[in-house]
Amino acid sequence: MSKMIHFKVVTTNQDLVLIEEMAKIIWHEHYTPIIGVEQVVYMLEKFQSAATMRSQMEKGYQYFLIVKEKSPVGYLSFIKKEEELFLSKIYILSEERGQGTGRIAFQFIETQARENHCKKIGLTVNKNNLNSIKAYKSAGFQNIGALVQDIGHGFVMDDYAMEKLI
């Protein structure tokens, strides 16, 4: 029997600091081979810091810790944009990948989309993040085009936009 997974609404600065620490582990391990250590460090500060996440929450982003038994194993964030639920972040610790945690997280996200009266879920993913692209396709997402965004300091996010109709 699989261990119980639940989603804890992030409300405290302590939760955000925990996510920031998880982000450092996940990003250095997963993204350094894809985008290099300098861009990882920059993006962690710009997009994954507790202060940035708090600011995003004030703008309507919702954050959740993914908890297995009593241990946080990942996190996710989304915002409703008209009839789309935009999945801003979904990150799972490496030891939890391939164990069904992502599948359960996507079920949770779909439920949130329906409860928010959304017709689709959107996300962006790095073009070279092949394992994540495969996971998104497996979850029913389709590639709807390329997207390059300048994020400052000479860095860009070279992504695919993906969506799933619900």
N, C-alpha and C. Protein backbone atom coordinates (compact mmCIF):
# COMPACT_ATOMS: atom_id res chain seq x y z
N MET A 1 0.85 -1.18 0.00
CA MET A 1 0.00 0.00 0.00
C MET A 1 0.89 1.24 0.00
N SER A 2 0.56 2.21 -0.86
CA SER A 2 1.37 3.43 -0.92
C SER A 2 1.11 4.32 0.29
N LYS A 3 2.11 5.05 0.65
CA LYS A 3 1.97 5.94 1.80
C LYS A 3 1.05 7.10 1.44
N MET A 4 0.38 7.62 2.42
CA MET A 4 -0.60 8.68 2.21
C MET A 4 0.08 9.98 1.79
N ILE A 5 -0.43 10.57 0.73
CA ILE A 5 0.06 11.86 0.25
C ILE A 5 -1.06 12.87 0.43
N HIS A 6 -0.71 14.02 0.97
CA HIS A 6 -1.69 15.11 1.04
C HIS A 6 -1.01 16.42 0.67
N PHE A 7 -1.82 17.44 0.52
CA PHE A 7 -1.36 18.75 0.05
C PHE A 7 -1.69 19.78 1.12
N LYS A 8 -0.65 20.37 1.67
CA LYS A 8 -0.80 21.34 2.76
C LYS A 8 -0.74 22.74 2.19
N VAL A 9 -1.78 23.52 2.42
CA VAL A 9 -1.79 24.91 1.99
C VAL A 9 -0.66 25.65 2.70
N VAL A 10 0.12 26.38 1.94
CA VAL A 10 1.23 27.15 2.50
C VAL A 10 0.67 28.49 2.99
N THR A 11 0.88 28.75 4.28
CA THR A 11 0.38 30.00 4.86
C THR A 11 1.43 30.75 5.67
N THR A 12 2.48 30.05 6.08
CA THR A 12 3.44 30.67 7.00
C THR A 12 4.78 30.92 6.33
N ASN A 13 5.53 31.83 6.90
CA ASN A 13 6.90 32.06 6.42
C ASN A 13 7.75 30.81 6.64
N GLN A 14 7.47 30.05 7.69
CA GLN A 14 8.20 28.80 7.94
C GLN A 14 8.00 27.83 6.77
N ASP A 15 6.76 27.74 6.27
CA ASP A 15 6.49 26.90 5.09
C ASP A 15 7.30 27.37 3.89
N LEU A 16 7.35 28.68 3.68
CA LEU A 16 8.07 29.24 2.54
C LEU A 16 9.58 28.99 2.64
N VAL A 17 10.12 29.09 3.84
CA VAL A 17 11.54 28.81 4.04
C VAL A 17 11.82 27.34 3.76
N LEU A 18 10.92 26.45 4.18
CA LEU A 18 11.06 25.03 3.89
C LEU A 18 11.07 24.78 2.38
N ILE A 19 10.16 25.44 1.66
CA ILE A 19 10.12 25.31 0.20
C ILE A 19 11.40 25.84 -0.41
N GLU A 20 11.87 26.98 0.06
CA GLU A 20 13.12 27.55 -0.46
C GLU A 20 14.28 26.55 -0.30
N GLU A 21 14.34 25.89 0.83
CA GLU A 21 15.40 24.90 1.06
C GLU A 21 15.23 23.68 0.14
N MET A 22 14.00 23.22 -0.04
CA MET A 22 13.76 22.12 -0.97
C MET A 22 14.13 22.52 -2.40
N ALA A 23 13.79 23.76 -2.77
CA ALA A 23 14.10 24.25 -4.11
C ALA A 23 15.60 24.20 -4.37
N LYS A 24 16.39 24.59 -3.39
CA LYS A 24 17.85 24.55 -3.57
C LYS A 24 18.32 23.13 -3.87
N ILE A 25 17.81 22.17 -3.14
CA ILE A 25 18.20 20.77 -3.36
C ILE A 25 17.78 20.32 -4.75
N ILE A 26 16.51 20.52 -5.07
CA ILE A 26 15.96 20.05 -6.35
C ILE A 26 16.63 20.75 -7.52
N TRP A 27 16.74 22.06 -7.46
CA TRP A 27 17.27 22.82 -8.59
C TRP A 27 18.74 22.51 -8.85
N HIS A 28 19.55 22.47 -7.79
CA HIS A 28 20.98 22.18 -8.02
C HIS A 28 21.16 20.79 -8.62
N GLU A 29 20.38 19.83 -8.15
CA GLU A 29 20.51 18.47 -8.66
C GLU A 29 19.95 18.35 -10.08
N HIS A 30 18.76 18.87 -10.30
CA HIS A 30 18.05 18.62 -11.55
C HIS A 30 18.41 19.59 -12.66
N TYR A 31 18.57 20.86 -12.34
CA TYR A 31 18.72 21.87 -13.39
C TYR A 31 20.15 22.25 -13.73
N THR A 32 21.11 21.98 -12.85
CA THR A 32 22.49 22.33 -13.16
C THR A 32 22.95 21.70 -14.48
N PRO A 33 22.66 20.41 -14.74
CA PRO A 33 23.09 19.85 -16.03
C PRO A 33 22.36 20.47 -17.23
N ILE A 34 21.19 21.05 -16.99
CA ILE A 34 20.38 21.59 -18.09
C ILE A 34 20.74 23.04 -18.40
N ILE A 35 20.87 23.88 -17.35
CA ILE A 35 21.08 25.32 -17.58
C ILE A 35 22.36 25.86 -16.97
N GLY A 36 23.08 25.06 -16.21
CA GLY A 36 24.33 25.51 -15.60
C GLY A 36 24.13 26.10 -14.22
N VAL A 37 25.18 26.05 -13.43
CA VAL A 37 25.10 26.46 -12.02
C VAL A 37 24.81 27.95 -11.88
N GLU A 38 25.38 28.81 -12.74
CA GLU A 38 25.16 30.25 -12.60
C GLU A 38 23.69 30.61 -12.78
N GLN A 39 23.04 30.02 -13.80
CA GLN A 39 21.63 30.32 -14.00
C GLN A 39 20.77 29.71 -12.91
N VAL A 40 21.15 28.55 -12.40
CA VAL A 40 20.42 27.94 -11.29
C VAL A 40 20.44 28.87 -10.08
N VAL A 41 21.61 29.35 -9.72
CA VAL A 41 21.74 30.25 -8.56
C VAL A 41 20.89 31.51 -8.77
N TYR A 42 20.96 32.08 -9.96
CA TYR A 42 20.19 33.28 -10.28
C TYR A 42 18.68 33.02 -10.17
N MET A 43 18.23 31.91 -10.78
CA MET A 43 16.80 31.62 -10.78
C MET A 43 16.27 31.24 -9.41
N LEU A 44 17.10 30.58 -8.59
CA LEU A 44 16.68 30.30 -7.23
C LEU A 44 16.37 31.59 -6.48
N GLU A 45 17.26 32.57 -6.60
CA GLU A 45 17.05 33.84 -5.91
C GLU A 45 15.85 34.60 -6.49
N LYS A 46 15.75 34.60 -7.81
CA LYS A 46 14.71 35.39 -8.47
C LYS A 46 13.31 34.78 -8.34
N PHE A 47 13.21 33.44 -8.40
CA PHE A 47 11.90 32.80 -8.48
C PHE A 47 11.56 31.86 -7.33
N GLN A 48 12.56 31.40 -6.57
CA GLN A 48 12.31 30.36 -5.57
C GLN A 48 12.63 30.80 -4.14
N SER A 49 12.88 32.07 -3.94
CA SER A 49 13.16 32.54 -2.58
C SER A 49 11.85 32.72 -1.81
N ALA A 50 11.93 32.62 -0.49
CA ALA A 50 10.75 32.80 0.35
C ALA A 50 10.12 34.17 0.11
N ALA A 51 10.94 35.20 -0.05
CA ALA A 51 10.42 36.56 -0.27
C ALA A 51 9.66 36.64 -1.60
N THR A 52 10.20 36.04 -2.64
CA THR A 52 9.53 36.05 -3.94
C THR A 52 8.21 35.29 -3.87
N MET A 53 8.23 34.15 -3.21
CA MET A 53 7.00 33.36 -3.10
C MET A 53 5.94 34.10 -2.29
N ARG A 54 6.36 34.78 -1.23
CA ARG A 54 5.40 35.58 -0.43
C ARG A 54 4.78 36.66 -1.32
N SER A 55 5.60 37.33 -2.11
CA SER A 55 5.11 38.36 -3.02
C SER A 55 4.12 37.76 -4.04
N GLN A 56 4.43 36.57 -4.55
CA GLN A 56 3.52 35.92 -5.49
C GLN A 56 2.19 35.58 -4.81
N MET A 57 2.24 35.13 -3.58
CA MET A 57 1.02 34.80 -2.85
C MET A 57 0.15 36.04 -2.69
N GLU A 58 0.77 37.18 -2.47
CA GLU A 58 0.02 38.43 -2.35
C GLU A 58 -0.66 38.81 -3.67
N LYS A 59 -0.16 38.25 -4.78
CA LYS A 59 -0.74 38.52 -6.11
C LYS A 59 -1.71 37.42 -6.55
N GLY A 60 -1.98 36.45 -5.67
CA GLY A 60 -2.98 35.44 -5.98
C GLY A 60 -2.46 34.04 -6.24
N TYR A 61 -1.14 33.84 -6.23
CA TYR A 61 -0.61 32.49 -6.39
C TYR A 61 -0.91 31.69 -5.13
N GLN A 62 -1.26 30.44 -5.32
CA GLN A 62 -1.47 29.54 -4.20
C GLN A 62 -0.33 28.53 -4.18
N TYR A 63 0.21 28.28 -2.99
CA TYR A 63 1.31 27.34 -2.80
C TYR A 63 0.84 26.19 -1.92
N PHE A 64 1.35 24.99 -2.25
CA PHE A 64 1.04 23.79 -1.48
C PHE A 64 2.31 22.98 -1.29
N LEU A 65 2.49 22.48 -0.09
CA LEU A 65 3.52 21.47 0.16
C LEU A 65 2.93 20.11 -0.18
N ILE A 66 3.70 19.28 -0.85
CA ILE A 66 3.31 17.89 -1.10
C ILE A 66 3.91 17.09 0.05
N VAL A 67 3.06 16.47 0.84
CA VAL A 67 3.50 15.79 2.06
C VAL A 67 3.16 14.31 1.95
N LYS A 68 4.17 13.48 2.17
CA LYS A 68 4.00 12.02 2.19
C LYS A 68 4.21 11.57 3.62
N GLU A 69 3.19 10.91 4.17
CA GLU A 69 3.18 10.63 5.59
C GLU A 69 3.28 11.99 6.30
N LYS A 70 4.38 12.27 6.98
CA LYS A 70 4.52 13.58 7.63
C LYS A 70 5.69 14.36 7.08
N SER A 71 6.28 13.87 5.97
CA SER A 71 7.48 14.51 5.42
C SER A 71 7.18 15.24 4.12
N PRO A 72 7.60 16.51 4.03
CA PRO A 72 7.44 17.22 2.77
C PRO A 72 8.35 16.60 1.71
N VAL A 73 7.77 16.31 0.53
CA VAL A 73 8.54 15.68 -0.55
C VAL A 73 8.52 16.53 -1.82
N GLY A 74 7.85 17.68 -1.77
CA GLY A 74 7.79 18.55 -2.93
C GLY A 74 6.85 19.71 -2.68
N TYR A 75 6.63 20.48 -3.73
CA TYR A 75 5.74 21.62 -3.62
C TYR A 75 5.21 21.97 -5.00
N LEU A 76 4.11 22.73 -4.99
CA LEU A 76 3.55 23.21 -6.25
C LEU A 76 2.90 24.56 -6.01
N SER A 77 2.70 25.28 -7.11
CA SER A 77 2.08 26.59 -7.05
C SER A 77 1.32 26.83 -8.34
N PHE A 78 0.18 27.49 -8.21
CA PHE A 78 -0.59 27.85 -9.40
C PHE A 78 -1.35 29.15 -9.16
N ILE A 79 -1.84 29.71 -10.25
CA ILE A 79 -2.68 30.90 -10.21
C ILE A 79 -3.76 30.76 -11.27
N LYS A 80 -4.94 31.24 -10.95
CA LYS A 80 -6.02 31.25 -11.93
C LYS A 80 -5.87 32.48 -12.81
N LYS A 81 -5.86 32.25 -14.13
CA LYS A 81 -5.81 33.33 -15.12
C LYS A 81 -7.00 33.14 -16.04
N GLU A 82 -8.06 33.88 -15.77
CA GLU A 82 -9.32 33.75 -16.50
C GLU A 82 -9.79 32.30 -16.45
N GLU A 83 -9.82 31.58 -17.59
CA GLU A 83 -10.32 30.21 -17.60
C GLU A 83 -9.19 29.18 -17.60
N GLU A 84 -7.99 29.62 -17.22
CA GLU A 84 -6.83 28.73 -17.16
C GLU A 84 -6.28 28.71 -15.75
N LEU A 85 -5.90 27.51 -15.32
CA LEU A 85 -5.12 27.38 -14.10
C LEU A 85 -3.67 27.25 -14.57
N PHE A 86 -2.85 28.26 -14.27
CA PHE A 86 -1.46 28.23 -14.70
C PHE A 86 -0.63 27.60 -13.60
N LEU A 87 -0.02 26.47 -13.92
CA LEU A 87 0.83 25.73 -12.98
C LEU A 87 2.22 26.35 -13.04
N SER A 88 2.51 27.19 -12.06
CA SER A 88 3.77 27.93 -12.02
C SER A 88 4.93 27.04 -11.59
N LYS A 89 4.66 26.16 -10.63
CA LYS A 89 5.73 25.33 -10.07
C LYS A 89 5.18 23.97 -9.69
N ILE A 90 5.94 22.93 -10.01
CA ILE A 90 5.71 21.60 -9.45
C ILE A 90 7.07 20.93 -9.39
N TYR A 91 7.52 20.68 -8.18
CA TYR A 91 8.84 20.12 -7.95
C TYR A 91 8.74 19.03 -6.89
N ILE A 92 9.38 17.90 -7.19
CA ILE A 92 9.35 16.75 -6.29
C ILE A 92 10.79 16.30 -6.06
N LEU A 93 11.12 16.00 -4.81
CA LEU A 93 12.46 15.51 -4.49
C LEU A 93 12.79 14.27 -5.32
N SER A 94 14.03 14.11 -5.70
CA SER A 94 14.43 13.05 -6.62
C SER A 94 14.06 11.66 -6.11
N GLU A 95 14.16 11.41 -4.82
CA GLU A 95 13.86 10.07 -4.31
C GLU A 95 12.37 9.73 -4.39
N GLU A 96 11.53 10.73 -4.64
CA GLU A 96 10.08 10.50 -4.75
C GLU A 96 9.63 10.36 -6.20
N ARG A 97 10.48 10.72 -7.15
CA ARG A 97 10.09 10.64 -8.56
C ARG A 97 9.96 9.18 -8.96
N GLY A 98 8.97 8.92 -9.81
CA GLY A 98 8.73 7.56 -10.27
C GLY A 98 7.96 6.70 -9.27
N GLN A 99 7.43 7.31 -8.22
CA GLN A 99 6.71 6.56 -7.18
C GLN A 99 5.21 6.86 -7.18
N GLY A 100 4.75 7.64 -8.19
CA GLY A 100 3.33 7.98 -8.26
C GLY A 100 2.98 9.31 -7.62
N THR A 101 3.95 9.95 -6.99
CA THR A 101 3.68 11.24 -6.33
C THR A 101 3.27 12.30 -7.34
N GLY A 102 3.95 12.34 -8.48
CA GLY A 102 3.59 13.31 -9.52
C GLY A 102 2.20 13.07 -10.06
N ARG A 103 1.84 11.82 -10.27
CA ARG A 103 0.50 11.48 -10.77
C ARG A 103 -0.57 11.96 -9.79
N ILE A 104 -0.34 11.73 -8.51
CA ILE A 104 -1.29 12.19 -7.48
C ILE A 104 -1.34 13.72 -7.46
N ALA A 105 -0.19 14.36 -7.62
CA ALA A 105 -0.16 15.82 -7.65
C ALA A 105 -0.97 16.36 -8.83
N PHE A 106 -0.85 15.72 -9.99
CA PHE A 106 -1.63 16.17 -11.15
C PHE A 106 -3.12 15.96 -10.94
N GLN A 107 -3.52 14.91 -10.25
CA GLN A 107 -4.93 14.71 -9.93
C GLN A 107 -5.42 15.86 -9.04
N PHE A 108 -4.59 16.24 -8.07
CA PHE A 108 -4.92 17.36 -7.18
C PHE A 108 -5.05 18.65 -7.99
N ILE A 109 -4.12 18.90 -8.90
CA ILE A 109 -4.14 20.12 -9.71
C ILE A 109 -5.40 20.15 -10.59
N GLU A 110 -5.76 19.02 -11.18
CA GLU A 110 -6.97 18.97 -11.99
C GLU A 110 -8.21 19.27 -11.15
N THR A 111 -8.25 18.74 -9.95
CA THR A 111 -9.37 19.03 -9.05
C THR A 111 -9.43 20.52 -8.75
N GLN A 112 -8.27 21.12 -8.49
CA GLN A 112 -8.23 22.56 -8.22
C GLN A 112 -8.72 23.35 -9.45
N ALA A 113 -8.32 22.91 -10.64
CA ALA A 113 -8.75 23.59 -11.87
C ALA A 113 -10.27 23.53 -12.01
N ARG A 114 -10.83 22.36 -11.79
CA ARG A 114 -12.30 22.22 -11.89
C ARG A 114 -13.00 23.08 -10.85
N GLU A 115 -12.49 23.05 -9.61
CA GLU A 115 -13.12 23.84 -8.55
C GLU A 115 -13.03 25.34 -8.82
N ASN A 116 -12.02 25.74 -9.60
CA ASN A 116 -11.86 27.15 -9.96
C ASN A 116 -12.49 27.47 -11.32
N HIS A 117 -13.29 26.53 -11.84
CA HIS A 117 -14.03 26.71 -13.10
C HIS A 117 -13.10 27.02 -14.27
N CYS A 118 -11.97 26.33 -14.33
CA CYS A 118 -11.02 26.51 -15.42
C CYS A 118 -11.27 25.46 -16.49
N LYS A 119 -10.99 25.83 -17.74
CA LYS A 119 -11.17 24.92 -18.86
C LYS A 119 -9.87 24.24 -19.26
N LYS A 120 -8.75 24.75 -18.72
CA LYS A 120 -7.47 24.15 -19.08
C LYS A 120 -6.44 24.45 -17.98
N ILE A 121 -5.37 23.66 -18.03
CA ILE A 121 -4.21 23.86 -17.16
C ILE A 121 -3.04 24.17 -18.09
N GLY A 122 -2.32 25.23 -17.80
CA GLY A 122 -1.16 25.61 -18.59
C GLY A 122 0.11 25.56 -17.75
N LEU A 123 1.23 25.38 -18.44
CA LEU A 123 2.53 25.41 -17.77
C LEU A 123 3.61 25.68 -18.80
N THR A 124 4.80 25.98 -18.31
CA THR A 124 5.97 26.09 -19.18
C THR A 124 7.03 25.14 -18.65
N VAL A 125 7.85 24.63 -19.57
CA VAL A 125 8.89 23.68 -19.20
C VAL A 125 10.11 23.92 -20.09
N ASN A 126 11.29 23.84 -19.50
CA ASN A 126 12.53 24.01 -20.26
C ASN A 126 12.58 22.97 -21.38
N LYS A 127 12.97 23.43 -22.58
CA LYS A 127 13.01 22.55 -23.75
C LYS A 127 13.91 21.34 -23.56
N ASN A 128 14.92 21.45 -22.70
CA ASN A 128 15.86 20.34 -22.48
C ASN A 128 15.53 19.51 -21.24
N ASN A 129 14.41 19.80 -20.60
CA ASN A 129 13.98 19.06 -19.42
C ASN A 129 13.15 17.86 -19.87
N LEU A 130 13.83 16.91 -20.50
CA LEU A 130 13.16 15.83 -21.21
C LEU A 130 12.32 14.93 -20.30
N ASN A 131 12.80 14.63 -19.11
CA ASN A 131 12.02 13.78 -18.20
C ASN A 131 10.72 14.46 -17.78
N SER A 132 10.77 15.76 -17.52
CA SER A 132 9.55 16.47 -17.13
C SER A 132 8.59 16.57 -18.31
N ILE A 133 9.11 16.83 -19.50
CA ILE A 133 8.24 16.88 -20.69
C ILE A 133 7.53 15.54 -20.86
N LYS A 134 8.27 14.46 -20.70
CA LYS A 134 7.67 13.12 -20.81
C LYS A 134 6.58 12.93 -19.75
N ALA A 135 6.83 13.37 -18.53
CA ALA A 135 5.84 13.25 -17.46
C ALA A 135 4.59 14.09 -17.77
N TYR A 136 4.79 15.30 -18.27
CA TYR A 136 3.64 16.15 -18.61
C TYR A 136 2.81 15.53 -19.73
N LYS A 137 3.49 15.00 -20.75
CA LYS A 137 2.75 14.33 -21.84
C LYS A 137 1.99 13.13 -21.32
N SER A 138 2.60 12.39 -20.42
CA SER A 138 1.95 11.23 -19.82
C SER A 138 0.71 11.65 -19.02
N ALA A 139 0.75 12.86 -18.46
CA ALA A 139 -0.38 13.38 -17.69
C ALA A 139 -1.43 14.03 -18.59
N GLY A 140 -1.21 14.02 -19.91
CA GLY A 140 -2.22 14.54 -20.83
C GLY A 140 -1.96 15.94 -21.37
N PHE A 141 -0.79 16.50 -21.10
CA PHE A 141 -0.47 17.84 -21.61
C PHE A 141 0.04 17.74 -23.04
N GLN A 142 -0.22 18.79 -23.82
CA GLN A 142 0.27 18.88 -25.18
C GLN A 142 1.13 20.12 -25.33
N ASN A 143 2.16 20.00 -26.15
CA ASN A 143 3.04 21.12 -26.45
C ASN A 143 2.28 22.07 -27.38
N ILE A 144 2.16 23.34 -27.00
CA ILE A 144 1.43 24.30 -27.84
C ILE A 144 2.35 25.37 -28.41
N GLY A 145 3.67 25.24 -28.21
CA GLY A 145 4.59 26.18 -28.84
C GLY A 145 5.79 26.51 -27.98
N ALA A 146 6.75 27.15 -28.63
CA ALA A 146 7.99 27.56 -27.97
C ALA A 146 7.83 28.96 -27.38
N LEU A 147 8.62 29.22 -26.35
CA LEU A 147 8.55 30.49 -25.64
C LEU A 147 9.93 30.80 -25.07
N VAL A 148 10.48 31.96 -25.45
CA VAL A 148 11.77 32.38 -24.90
C VAL A 148 11.53 33.68 -24.14
N GLN A 149 11.92 33.69 -22.85
CA GLN A 149 11.71 34.86 -22.00
C GLN A 149 13.05 35.32 -21.42
N ASP A 150 13.35 36.59 -21.59
CA ASP A 150 14.53 37.19 -20.98
C ASP A 150 14.24 37.38 -19.50
N ILE A 151 15.09 36.81 -18.65
CA ILE A 151 14.87 36.92 -17.20
C ILE A 151 15.94 37.78 -16.53
N GLY A 152 16.75 38.44 -17.34
CA GLY A 152 17.75 39.34 -16.78
C GLY A 152 19.11 38.70 -16.61
N HIS A 153 20.12 39.55 -16.42
CA HIS A 153 21.50 39.13 -16.20
C HIS A 153 22.04 38.21 -17.30
N GLY A 154 21.53 38.40 -18.54
CA GLY A 154 21.99 37.61 -19.67
C GLY A 154 21.39 36.22 -19.76
N PHE A 155 20.42 35.91 -18.93
CA PHE A 155 19.79 34.59 -18.94
C PHE A 155 18.42 34.65 -19.61
N VAL A 156 18.04 33.53 -20.23
CA VAL A 156 16.70 33.38 -20.79
C VAL A 156 16.12 32.06 -20.31
N MET A 157 14.80 32.01 -20.30
CA MET A 157 14.10 30.75 -20.11
C MET A 157 13.66 30.32 -21.51
N ASP A 158 14.21 29.20 -21.98
CA ASP A 158 13.94 28.66 -23.30
C ASP A 158 13.01 27.47 -23.11
N ASP A 159 11.71 27.74 -23.23
CA ASP A 159 10.69 26.79 -22.79
C ASP A 159 9.75 26.37 -23.91
N TYR A 160 8.99 25.34 -23.58
CA TYR A 160 7.78 25.01 -24.32
C TYR A 160 6.60 25.39 -23.44
N ALA A 161 5.57 25.91 -24.06
CA ALA A 161 4.29 26.10 -23.38
C ALA A 161 3.49 24.83 -23.60
N MET A 162 2.88 24.33 -22.55
CA MET A 162 2.07 23.12 -22.63
C MET A 162 0.73 23.38 -21.97
N GLU A 163 -0.29 22.64 -22.43
CA GLU A 163 -1.59 22.78 -21.80
C GLU A 163 -2.34 21.47 -21.85
N LYS A 164 -3.27 21.39 -20.93
CA LYS A 164 -4.18 20.24 -20.88
C LYS A 164 -5.59 20.78 -20.75
N LEU A 165 -6.45 20.37 -21.67
CA LEU A 165 -7.86 20.75 -21.59
C LEU A 165 -8.55 19.84 -20.59
N ILE A 166 -9.44 20.45 -19.79
CA ILE A 166 -10.16 19.62 -18.80
C ILE A 166 -11.64 19.81 -18.93
